[in-house]
Amino acid sequence: GNPLGNLLGTMTEGIVSALDRESEIENSGMGMIQT
C-alpha cells in the first residue's frame, strides 16, 4: 500500500497472527484477519 500517503508501493511482511477477530476489535460482525 501507500503508508503516510507518500511512500507509494511500500510492501511489508508478516504472518497471520489470528483469524476471525471480531467483538474485541470492532464488534461489527465481520471476523477480521490479524497480522
PDB file of all heavy atoms in Angstrom:
ATOM      1  N   GLY A   1       0.811  -1.214   0.000  1.00  0.00           N
ATOM      2  CA  GLY A   1       0.000   0.000   0.000  1.00  0.00           C
ATOM      3  C   GLY A   1       0.837   1.252   0.000  1.00  0.00           C
ATOM      4  O   GLY A   1       2.003   1.241  -0.425  1.00  0.00           O
ATOM      5  N   ASN A   2       0.246   2.342   0.505  1.00  0.00           N
ATOM      6  CA  ASN A   2       0.875   3.666   0.447  1.00  0.00           C
ATOM      7  C   ASN A   2       0.917   4.295   1.835  1.00  0.00           C
ATOM      8  O   ASN A   2       0.193   5.253   2.113  1.00  0.00           O
ATOM      9  CB  ASN A   2       0.095   4.571  -0.519  1.00  0.00           C
ATOM     10  CG  ASN A   2      -0.104   3.933  -1.877  1.00  0.00           C
ATOM     11  OD1 ASN A   2       0.827   3.458  -2.494  1.00  0.00           O
ATOM     12  ND2 ASN A   2      -1.353   3.905  -2.323  1.00  0.00           N
ATOM     13  N   PRO A   3       1.747   3.780   2.746  1.00  0.00           N
ATOM     14  CA  PRO A   3       1.782   4.339   4.095  1.00  0.00           C
ATOM     15  C   PRO A   3       2.159   5.807   4.088  1.00  0.00           C
ATOM     16  O   PRO A   3       2.993   6.251   3.300  1.00  0.00           O
ATOM     17  CB  PRO A   3       2.841   3.485   4.804  1.00  0.00           C
ATOM     18  CG  PRO A   3       3.665   2.890   3.712  1.00  0.00           C
ATOM     19  CD  PRO A   3       2.735   2.704   2.561  1.00  0.00           C
ATOM     20  N   LEU A   4       1.494   6.560   4.970  1.00  0.00           N
ATOM     21  CA  LEU A   4       1.673   8.004   5.135  1.00  0.00           C
ATOM     22  C   LEU A   4       1.215   8.791   3.919  1.00  0.00           C
ATOM     23  O   LEU A   4       1.367  10.016   3.878  1.00  0.00           O
ATOM     24  CB  LEU A   4       3.126   8.352   5.477  1.00  0.00           C
ATOM     25  CG  LEU A   4       3.723   7.622   6.688  1.00  0.00           C
ATOM     26  CD1 LEU A   4       5.125   8.138   6.976  1.00  0.00           C
ATOM     27  CD2 LEU A   4       2.838   7.755   7.908  1.00  0.00           C
ATOM     28  N   GLY A   5       0.672   8.112   2.910  1.00  0.00           N
ATOM     29  CA  GLY A   5       0.162   8.807   1.744  1.00  0.00           C
ATOM     30  C   GLY A   5       1.215   9.231   0.756  1.00  0.00           C
ATOM     31  O   GLY A   5       0.889   9.758  -0.307  1.00  0.00           O
ATOM     32  N   ASN A   6       2.495   8.999   1.037  1.00  0.00           N
ATOM     33  CA  ASN A   6       3.532   9.387   0.076  1.00  0.00           C
ATOM     34  C   ASN A   6       4.586   8.309  -0.152  1.00  0.00           C
ATOM     35  O   ASN A   6       5.369   8.412  -1.091  1.00  0.00           O
ATOM     36  CB  ASN A   6       4.224  10.686   0.525  1.00  0.00           C
ATOM     37  CG  ASN A   6       4.766  10.615   1.937  1.00  0.00           C
ATOM     38  OD1 ASN A   6       4.934   9.538   2.489  1.00  0.00           O
ATOM     39  ND2 ASN A   6       5.038  11.762   2.524  1.00  0.00           N
ATOM     40  N   LEU A   7       4.610   7.292   0.687  1.00  0.00           N
ATOM     41  CA  LEU A   7       5.545   6.184   0.466  1.00  0.00           C
ATOM     42  C   LEU A   7       4.845   5.135  -0.397  1.00  0.00           C
ATOM     43  O   LEU A   7       4.492   4.049   0.047  1.00  0.00           O
ATOM     44  CB  LEU A   7       5.986   5.605   1.809  1.00  0.00           C
ATOM     45  CG  LEU A   7       6.653   6.596   2.768  1.00  0.00           C
ATOM     46  CD1 LEU A   7       7.001   5.912   4.083  1.00  0.00           C
ATOM     47  CD2 LEU A   7       7.894   7.209   2.133  1.00  0.00           C
ATOM     48  N   LEU A   8       4.653   5.493  -1.673  1.00  0.00           N
ATOM     49  CA  LEU A   8       3.826   4.682  -2.566  1.00  0.00           C
ATOM     50  C   LEU A   8       4.473   3.334  -2.847  1.00  0.00           C
ATOM     51  O   LEU A   8       5.682   3.230  -3.048  1.00  0.00           O
ATOM     52  CB  LEU A   8       3.592   5.433  -3.883  1.00  0.00           C
ATOM     53  CG  LEU A   8       3.025   6.852  -3.781  1.00  0.00           C
ATOM     54  CD1 LEU A   8       2.684   7.385  -5.161  1.00  0.00           C
ATOM     55  CD2 LEU A   8       1.799   6.892  -2.886  1.00  0.00           C
ATOM     56  N   GLY A   9       3.644   2.306  -2.870  1.00  0.00           N
ATOM     57  CA  GLY A   9       4.103   0.974  -3.250  1.00  0.00           C
ATOM     58  C   GLY A   9       4.950   0.287  -2.205  1.00  0.00           C
ATOM     59  O   GLY A   9       5.730  -0.609  -2.545  1.00  0.00           O
ATOM     60  N   THR A  10       4.786   0.645  -0.938  1.00  0.00           N
ATOM     61  CA  THR A  10       5.569   0.020   0.122  1.00  0.00           C
ATOM     62  C   THR A  10       5.003  -1.357   0.459  1.00  0.00           C
ATOM     63  O   THR A  10       3.793  -1.516   0.628  1.00  0.00           O
ATOM     64  CB  THR A  10       5.567   0.895   1.385  1.00  0.00           C
ATOM     65  OG1 THR A  10       6.215   2.133   1.084  1.00  0.00           O
ATOM     66  CG2 THR A  10       6.294   0.211   2.529  1.00  0.00           C
ATOM     67  N   MET A  11       5.885  -2.342   0.573  1.00  0.00           N
ATOM     68  CA  MET A  11       5.462  -3.686   0.947  1.00  0.00           C
ATOM     69  C   MET A  11       6.128  -4.070   2.261  1.00  0.00           C
ATOM     70  O   MET A  11       7.331  -3.865   2.443  1.00  0.00           O
ATOM     71  CB  MET A  11       5.809  -4.705  -0.134  1.00  0.00           C
ATOM     72  CG  MET A  11       5.226  -6.096   0.151  1.00  0.00           C
ATOM     73  SD  MET A  11       5.362  -7.248  -1.253  1.00  0.00           S
ATOM     74  CE  MET A  11       7.066  -7.766  -1.089  1.00  0.00           C
ATOM     75  N   THR A  12       5.338  -4.592   3.176  1.00  0.00           N
ATOM     76  CA  THR A  12       5.850  -5.109   4.441  1.00  0.00           C
ATOM     77  C   THR A  12       5.432  -6.563   4.579  1.00  0.00           C
ATOM     78  O   THR A  12       4.453  -6.998   3.974  1.00  0.00           O
ATOM     79  CB  THR A  12       5.320  -4.297   5.635  1.00  0.00           C
ATOM     80  OG1 THR A  12       3.880  -4.303   5.609  1.00  0.00           O
ATOM     81  CG2 THR A  12       5.801  -2.864   5.572  1.00  0.00           C
ATOM     82  N   GLU A  13       6.169  -7.323   5.361  1.00  0.00           N
ATOM     83  CA  GLU A  13       5.860  -8.737   5.522  1.00  0.00           C
ATOM     84  C   GLU A  13       5.555  -9.071   6.969  1.00  0.00           C
ATOM     85  O   GLU A  13       5.961  -8.372   7.893  1.00  0.00           O
ATOM     86  CB  GLU A  13       7.022  -9.601   5.023  1.00  0.00           C
ATOM     87  CG  GLU A  13       8.283  -9.482   5.847  1.00  0.00           C
ATOM     88  CD  GLU A  13       9.340 -10.477   5.417  1.00  0.00           C
ATOM     89  OE1 GLU A  13       8.951 -11.513   4.840  1.00  0.00           O
ATOM     90  OE2 GLU A  13      10.524 -10.225   5.672  1.00  0.00           O
ATOM     91  N   GLY A  14       4.831 -10.153   7.154  1.00  0.00           N
ATOM     92  CA  GLY A  14       4.494 -10.629   8.489  1.00  0.00           C
ATOM     93  C   GLY A  14       3.845 -11.994   8.376  1.00  0.00           C
ATOM     94  O   GLY A  14       4.030 -12.711   7.379  1.00  0.00           O
ATOM     95  N   ILE A  15       3.087 -12.338   9.379  1.00  0.00           N
ATOM     96  CA  ILE A  15       2.367 -13.612   9.380  1.00  0.00           C
ATOM     97  C   ILE A  15       0.910 -13.346   9.736  1.00  0.00           C
ATOM     98  O   ILE A  15       0.549 -12.251  10.182  1.00  0.00           O
ATOM     99  CB  ILE A  15       2.966 -14.615  10.375  1.00  0.00           C
ATOM    100  CG1 ILE A  15       2.862 -14.065  11.807  1.00  0.00           C
ATOM    101  CG2 ILE A  15       4.405 -14.959  10.014  1.00  0.00           C
ATOM    102  CD1 ILE A  15       3.193 -15.081  12.869  1.00  0.00           C
ATOM    103  N   VAL A  16       0.086 -14.345   9.533  1.00  0.00           N
ATOM    104  CA  VAL A  16      -1.280 -14.303  10.047  1.00  0.00           C
ATOM    105  C   VAL A  16      -1.195 -14.569  11.543  1.00  0.00           C
ATOM    106  O   VAL A  16      -0.811 -15.655  11.975  1.00  0.00           O
ATOM    107  CB  VAL A  16      -2.177 -15.348   9.358  1.00  0.00           C
ATOM    108  CG1 VAL A  16      -3.558 -15.361  10.002  1.00  0.00           C
ATOM    109  CG2 VAL A  16      -2.281 -15.065   7.871  1.00  0.00           C
ATOM    110  N   SER A  17      -1.546 -13.561  12.341  1.00  0.00           N
ATOM    111  CA  SER A  17      -1.442 -13.683  13.792  1.00  0.00           C
ATOM    112  C   SER A  17      -2.676 -14.329  14.403  1.00  0.00           C
ATOM    113  O   SER A  17      -2.586 -15.008  15.432  1.00  0.00           O
ATOM    114  CB  SER A  17      -1.222 -12.302  14.424  1.00  0.00           C
ATOM    115  OG  SER A  17      -0.070 -11.683  13.877  1.00  0.00           O
ATOM    116  N   ALA A  18      -3.850 -14.086  13.805  1.00  0.00           N
ATOM    117  CA  ALA A  18      -5.102 -14.666  14.297  1.00  0.00           C
ATOM    118  C   ALA A  18      -6.153 -14.505  13.213  1.00  0.00           C
ATOM    119  O   ALA A  18      -6.011 -13.687  12.291  1.00  0.00           O
ATOM    120  CB  ALA A  18      -5.558 -13.995  15.594  1.00  0.00           C
ATOM    121  N   LEU A  19      -7.213 -15.294  13.323  1.00  0.00           N
ATOM    122  CA  LEU A  19      -8.332 -15.231  12.385  1.00  0.00           C
ATOM    123  C   LEU A  19      -9.624 -14.957  13.142  1.00  0.00           C
ATOM    124  O   LEU A  19      -9.732 -15.231  14.344  1.00  0.00           O
ATOM    125  CB  LEU A  19      -8.454 -16.541  11.602  1.00  0.00           C
ATOM    126  CG  LEU A  19      -7.273 -16.894  10.702  1.00  0.00           C
ATOM    127  CD1 LEU A  19      -7.389 -18.337  10.203  1.00  0.00           C
ATOM    128  CD2 LEU A  19      -7.193 -15.940   9.516  1.00  0.00           C
ATOM    129  N   ASP A  20     -10.593 -14.397  12.425  1.00  0.00           N
ATOM    130  CA  ASP A  20     -11.936 -14.157  12.980  1.00  0.00           C
ATOM    131  C   ASP A  20     -11.916 -13.265  14.217  1.00  0.00           C
ATOM    132  O   ASP A  20     -12.649 -13.492  15.184  1.00  0.00           O
ATOM    133  CB  ASP A  20     -12.644 -15.476  13.308  1.00  0.00           C
ATOM    134  CG  ASP A  20     -12.916 -16.302  12.070  1.00  0.00           C
ATOM    135  OD1 ASP A  20     -13.165 -15.697  11.007  1.00  0.00           O
ATOM    136  OD2 ASP A  20     -12.854 -17.543  12.151  1.00  0.00           O
ATOM    137  N   ARG A  21     -11.052 -12.251  14.188  1.00  0.00           N
ATOM    138  CA  ARG A  21     -11.078 -11.256  15.251  1.00  0.00           C
ATOM    139  C   ARG A  21     -12.328 -10.403  15.060  1.00  0.00           C
ATOM    140  O   ARG A  21     -12.548  -9.835  14.003  1.00  0.00           O
ATOM    141  CB  ARG A  21      -9.840 -10.369  15.190  1.00  0.00           C
ATOM    142  CG  ARG A  21      -8.563 -11.060  15.578  1.00  0.00           C
ATOM    143  CD  ARG A  21      -8.571 -11.455  17.029  1.00  0.00           C
ATOM    144  NE  ARG A  21      -7.251 -11.871  17.483  1.00  0.00           N
ATOM    145  CZ  ARG A  21      -7.037 -12.674  18.503  1.00  0.00           C
ATOM    146  NH1 ARG A  21      -8.069 -13.182  19.171  1.00  0.00           N
ATOM    147  NH2 ARG A  21      -5.812 -12.985  18.875  1.00  0.00           N
ATOM    148  N   GLU A  22     -13.156 -10.283  16.092  1.00  0.00           N
ATOM    149  CA  GLU A  22     -14.387  -9.518  15.906  1.00  0.00           C
ATOM    150  C   GLU A  22     -14.766  -8.704  17.112  1.00  0.00           C
ATOM    151  O   GLU A  22     -14.422  -7.529  17.208  1.00  0.00           O
ATOM    152  CB  GLU A  22     -15.536 -10.420  15.482  1.00  0.00           C
ATOM    153  CG  GLU A  22     -15.643 -11.726  16.243  1.00  0.00           C
ATOM    154  CD  GLU A  22     -16.758 -12.597  15.706  1.00  0.00           C
ATOM    155  OE1 GLU A  22     -17.723 -12.056  15.176  1.00  0.00           O
ATOM    156  OE2 GLU A  22     -16.668 -13.821  15.836  1.00  0.00           O
ATOM    157  N   SER A  23     -15.463  -9.289  18.115  1.00  0.00           N
ATOM    158  CA  SER A  23     -16.081  -8.483  19.165  1.00  0.00           C
ATOM    159  C   SER A  23     -15.065  -7.657  19.938  1.00  0.00           C
ATOM    160  O   SER A  23     -15.349  -6.538  20.343  1.00  0.00           O
ATOM    161  CB  SER A  23     -16.835  -9.394  20.133  1.00  0.00           C
ATOM    162  OG  SER A  23     -15.962 -10.345  20.710  1.00  0.00           O
ATOM    163  N   GLU A  24     -13.855  -8.176  20.148  1.00  0.00           N
ATOM    164  CA  GLU A  24     -12.894  -7.424  20.928  1.00  0.00           C
ATOM    165  C   GLU A  24     -12.254  -6.306  20.108  1.00  0.00           C
ATOM    166  O   GLU A  24     -11.519  -5.490  20.627  1.00  0.00           O
ATOM    167  CB  GLU A  24     -11.799  -8.350  21.481  1.00  0.00           C
ATOM    168  CG  GLU A  24     -10.908  -8.992  20.418  1.00  0.00           C
ATOM    169  CD  GLU A  24     -11.458 -10.338  19.977  1.00  0.00           C
ATOM    170  OE1 GLU A  24     -12.684 -10.490  19.924  1.00  0.00           O
ATOM    171  OE2 GLU A  24     -10.644 -11.222  19.680  1.00  0.00           O
ATOM    172  N   ILE A  25     -12.547  -6.266  18.811  1.00  0.00           N
ATOM    173  CA  ILE A  25     -11.942  -5.229  17.969  1.00  0.00           C
ATOM    174  C   ILE A  25     -12.986  -4.233  17.501  1.00  0.00           C
ATOM    175  O   ILE A  25     -12.962  -3.069  17.855  1.00  0.00           O
ATOM    176  CB  ILE A  25     -11.236  -5.868  16.739  1.00  0.00           C
ATOM    177  CG1 ILE A  25     -10.170  -6.865  17.213  1.00  0.00           C
ATOM    178  CG2 ILE A  25     -10.622  -4.807  15.867  1.00  0.00           C
ATOM    179  CD1 ILE A  25      -9.051  -6.247  18.001  1.00  0.00           C
ATOM    180  N   GLU A  26     -13.922  -4.665  16.697  1.00  0.00           N
ATOM    181  CA  GLU A  26     -14.857  -3.732  16.083  1.00  0.00           C
ATOM    182  C   GLU A  26     -16.324  -4.018  16.410  1.00  0.00           C
ATOM    183  O   GLU A  26     -17.161  -3.150  16.286  1.00  0.00           O
ATOM    184  CB  GLU A  26     -14.697  -3.762  14.551  1.00  0.00           C
ATOM    185  CG  GLU A  26     -13.419  -3.108  14.055  1.00  0.00           C
ATOM    186  CD  GLU A  26     -13.451  -1.613  14.221  1.00  0.00           C
ATOM    187  OE1 GLU A  26     -14.548  -1.046  14.355  1.00  0.00           O
ATOM    188  OE2 GLU A  26     -12.389  -0.985  14.241  1.00  0.00           O
ATOM    189  N   ASN A  27     -16.614  -5.256  16.802  1.00  0.00           N
ATOM    190  CA  ASN A  27     -17.992  -5.657  17.101  1.00  0.00           C
ATOM    191  C   ASN A  27     -18.920  -5.357  15.925  1.00  0.00           C
ATOM    192  O   ASN A  27     -20.043  -4.905  16.096  1.00  0.00           O
ATOM    193  CB  ASN A  27     -18.496  -4.948  18.358  1.00  0.00           C
ATOM    194  CG  ASN A  27     -19.746  -5.616  18.913  1.00  0.00           C
ATOM    195  OD1 ASN A  27     -19.959  -6.797  18.686  1.00  0.00           O
ATOM    196  ND2 ASN A  27     -20.552  -4.849  19.625  1.00  0.00           N
ATOM    197  N   SER A  28     -18.412  -5.593  14.709  1.00  0.00           N
ATOM    198  CA  SER A  28     -19.197  -5.302  13.514  1.00  0.00           C
ATOM    199  C   SER A  28     -19.803  -6.561  12.915  1.00  0.00           C
ATOM    200  O   SER A  28     -20.571  -6.470  11.966  1.00  0.00           O
ATOM    201  CB  SER A  28     -18.315  -4.622  12.460  1.00  0.00           C
ATOM    202  OG  SER A  28     -17.322  -5.516  11.989  1.00  0.00           O
ATOM    203  N   GLY A  29     -19.454  -7.724  13.449  1.00  0.00           N
ATOM    204  CA  GLY A  29     -19.962  -8.958  12.873  1.00  0.00           C
ATOM    205  C   GLY A  29     -19.109  -9.501  11.751  1.00  0.00           C
ATOM    206  O   GLY A  29     -19.438 -10.537  11.186  1.00  0.00           O
ATOM    207  N   MET A  30     -18.030  -8.825  11.411  1.00  0.00           N
ATOM    208  CA  MET A  30     -17.125  -9.304  10.369  1.00  0.00           C
ATOM    209  C   MET A  30     -15.823  -9.734  11.026  1.00  0.00           C
ATOM    210  O   MET A  30     -15.054  -8.908  11.529  1.00  0.00           O
ATOM    211  CB  MET A  30     -16.851  -8.192   9.347  1.00  0.00           C
ATOM    212  CG  MET A  30     -15.817  -8.575   8.286  1.00  0.00           C
ATOM    213  SD  MET A  30     -16.384  -9.887   7.172  1.00  0.00           S
ATOM    214  CE  MET A  30     -17.595  -8.985   6.209  1.00  0.00           C
ATOM    215  N   GLY A  31     -15.578 -11.032  11.102  1.00  0.00           N
ATOM    216  CA  GLY A  31     -14.321 -11.516  11.649  1.00  0.00           C
ATOM    217  C   GLY A  31     -13.165 -11.075  10.778  1.00  0.00           C
ATOM    218  O   GLY A  31     -13.178 -11.257   9.561  1.00  0.00           O
ATOM    219  N   MET A  32     -12.133 -10.498  11.385  1.00  0.00           N
ATOM    220  CA  MET A  32     -11.033  -9.909  10.640  1.00  0.00           C
ATOM    221  C   MET A  32      -9.768 -10.727  10.785  1.00  0.00           C
ATOM    222  O   MET A  32      -9.604 -11.505  11.731  1.00  0.00           O
ATOM    223  CB  MET A  32     -10.794  -8.470  11.099  1.00  0.00           C
ATOM    224  CG  MET A  32     -12.026  -7.573  10.971  1.00  0.00           C
ATOM    225  SD  MET A  32     -11.711  -5.872  11.444  1.00  0.00           S
ATOM    226  CE  MET A  32     -10.862  -5.274   9.988  1.00  0.00           C
ATOM    227  N   ILE A  33      -8.855 -10.544   9.830  1.00  0.00           N
ATOM    228  CA  ILE A  33      -7.546 -11.178   9.880  1.00  0.00           C
ATOM    229  C   ILE A  33      -6.612 -10.274  10.683  1.00  0.00           C
ATOM    230  O   ILE A  33      -6.478  -9.095  10.376  1.00  0.00           O
ATOM    231  CB  ILE A  33      -6.968 -11.379   8.469  1.00  0.00           C
ATOM    232  CG1 ILE A  33      -7.923 -12.209   7.607  1.00  0.00           C
ATOM    233  CG2 ILE A  33      -5.593 -12.026   8.530  1.00  0.00           C
ATOM    234  CD1 ILE A  33      -7.566 -12.205   6.128  1.00  0.00           C
ATOM    235  N   GLN A  34      -5.984 -10.828  11.699  1.00  0.00           N
ATOM    236  CA  GLN A  34      -4.960 -10.078  12.436  1.00  0.00           C
ATOM    237  C   GLN A  34      -3.595 -10.461  11.878  1.00  0.00           C
ATOM    238  O   GLN A  34      -3.299 -11.644  11.683  1.00  0.00           O
ATOM    239  CB  GLN A  34      -5.016 -10.393  13.928  1.00  0.00           C
ATOM    240  CG  GLN A  34      -3.979  -9.642  14.755  1.00  0.00           C
ATOM    241  CD  GLN A  34      -3.992 -10.071  16.207  1.00  0.00           C
ATOM    242  OE1 GLN A  34      -5.029 -10.448  16.749  1.00  0.00           O
ATOM    243  NE2 GLN A  34      -2.838 -10.015  16.848  1.00  0.00           N
ATOM    244  N   THR A  35      -2.759  -9.470  11.605  1.00  0.00           N
ATOM    245  CA  THR A  35      -1.457  -9.725  11.006  1.00  0.00           C
ATOM    246  C   THR A  35      -0.381  -8.910  11.695  1.00  0.00           C
ATOM    247  O   THR A  35      -0.644  -7.836  12.247  1.00  0.00           O
ATOM    248  CB  THR A  35      -1.467  -9.389   9.502  1.00  0.00           C
ATOM    249  OG1 THR A  35      -0.160  -9.595   8.960  1.00  0.00           O
ATOM    250  CG2 THR A  35      -1.877  -7.946   9.257  1.00  0.00           C
TER     251      THR A  35
END
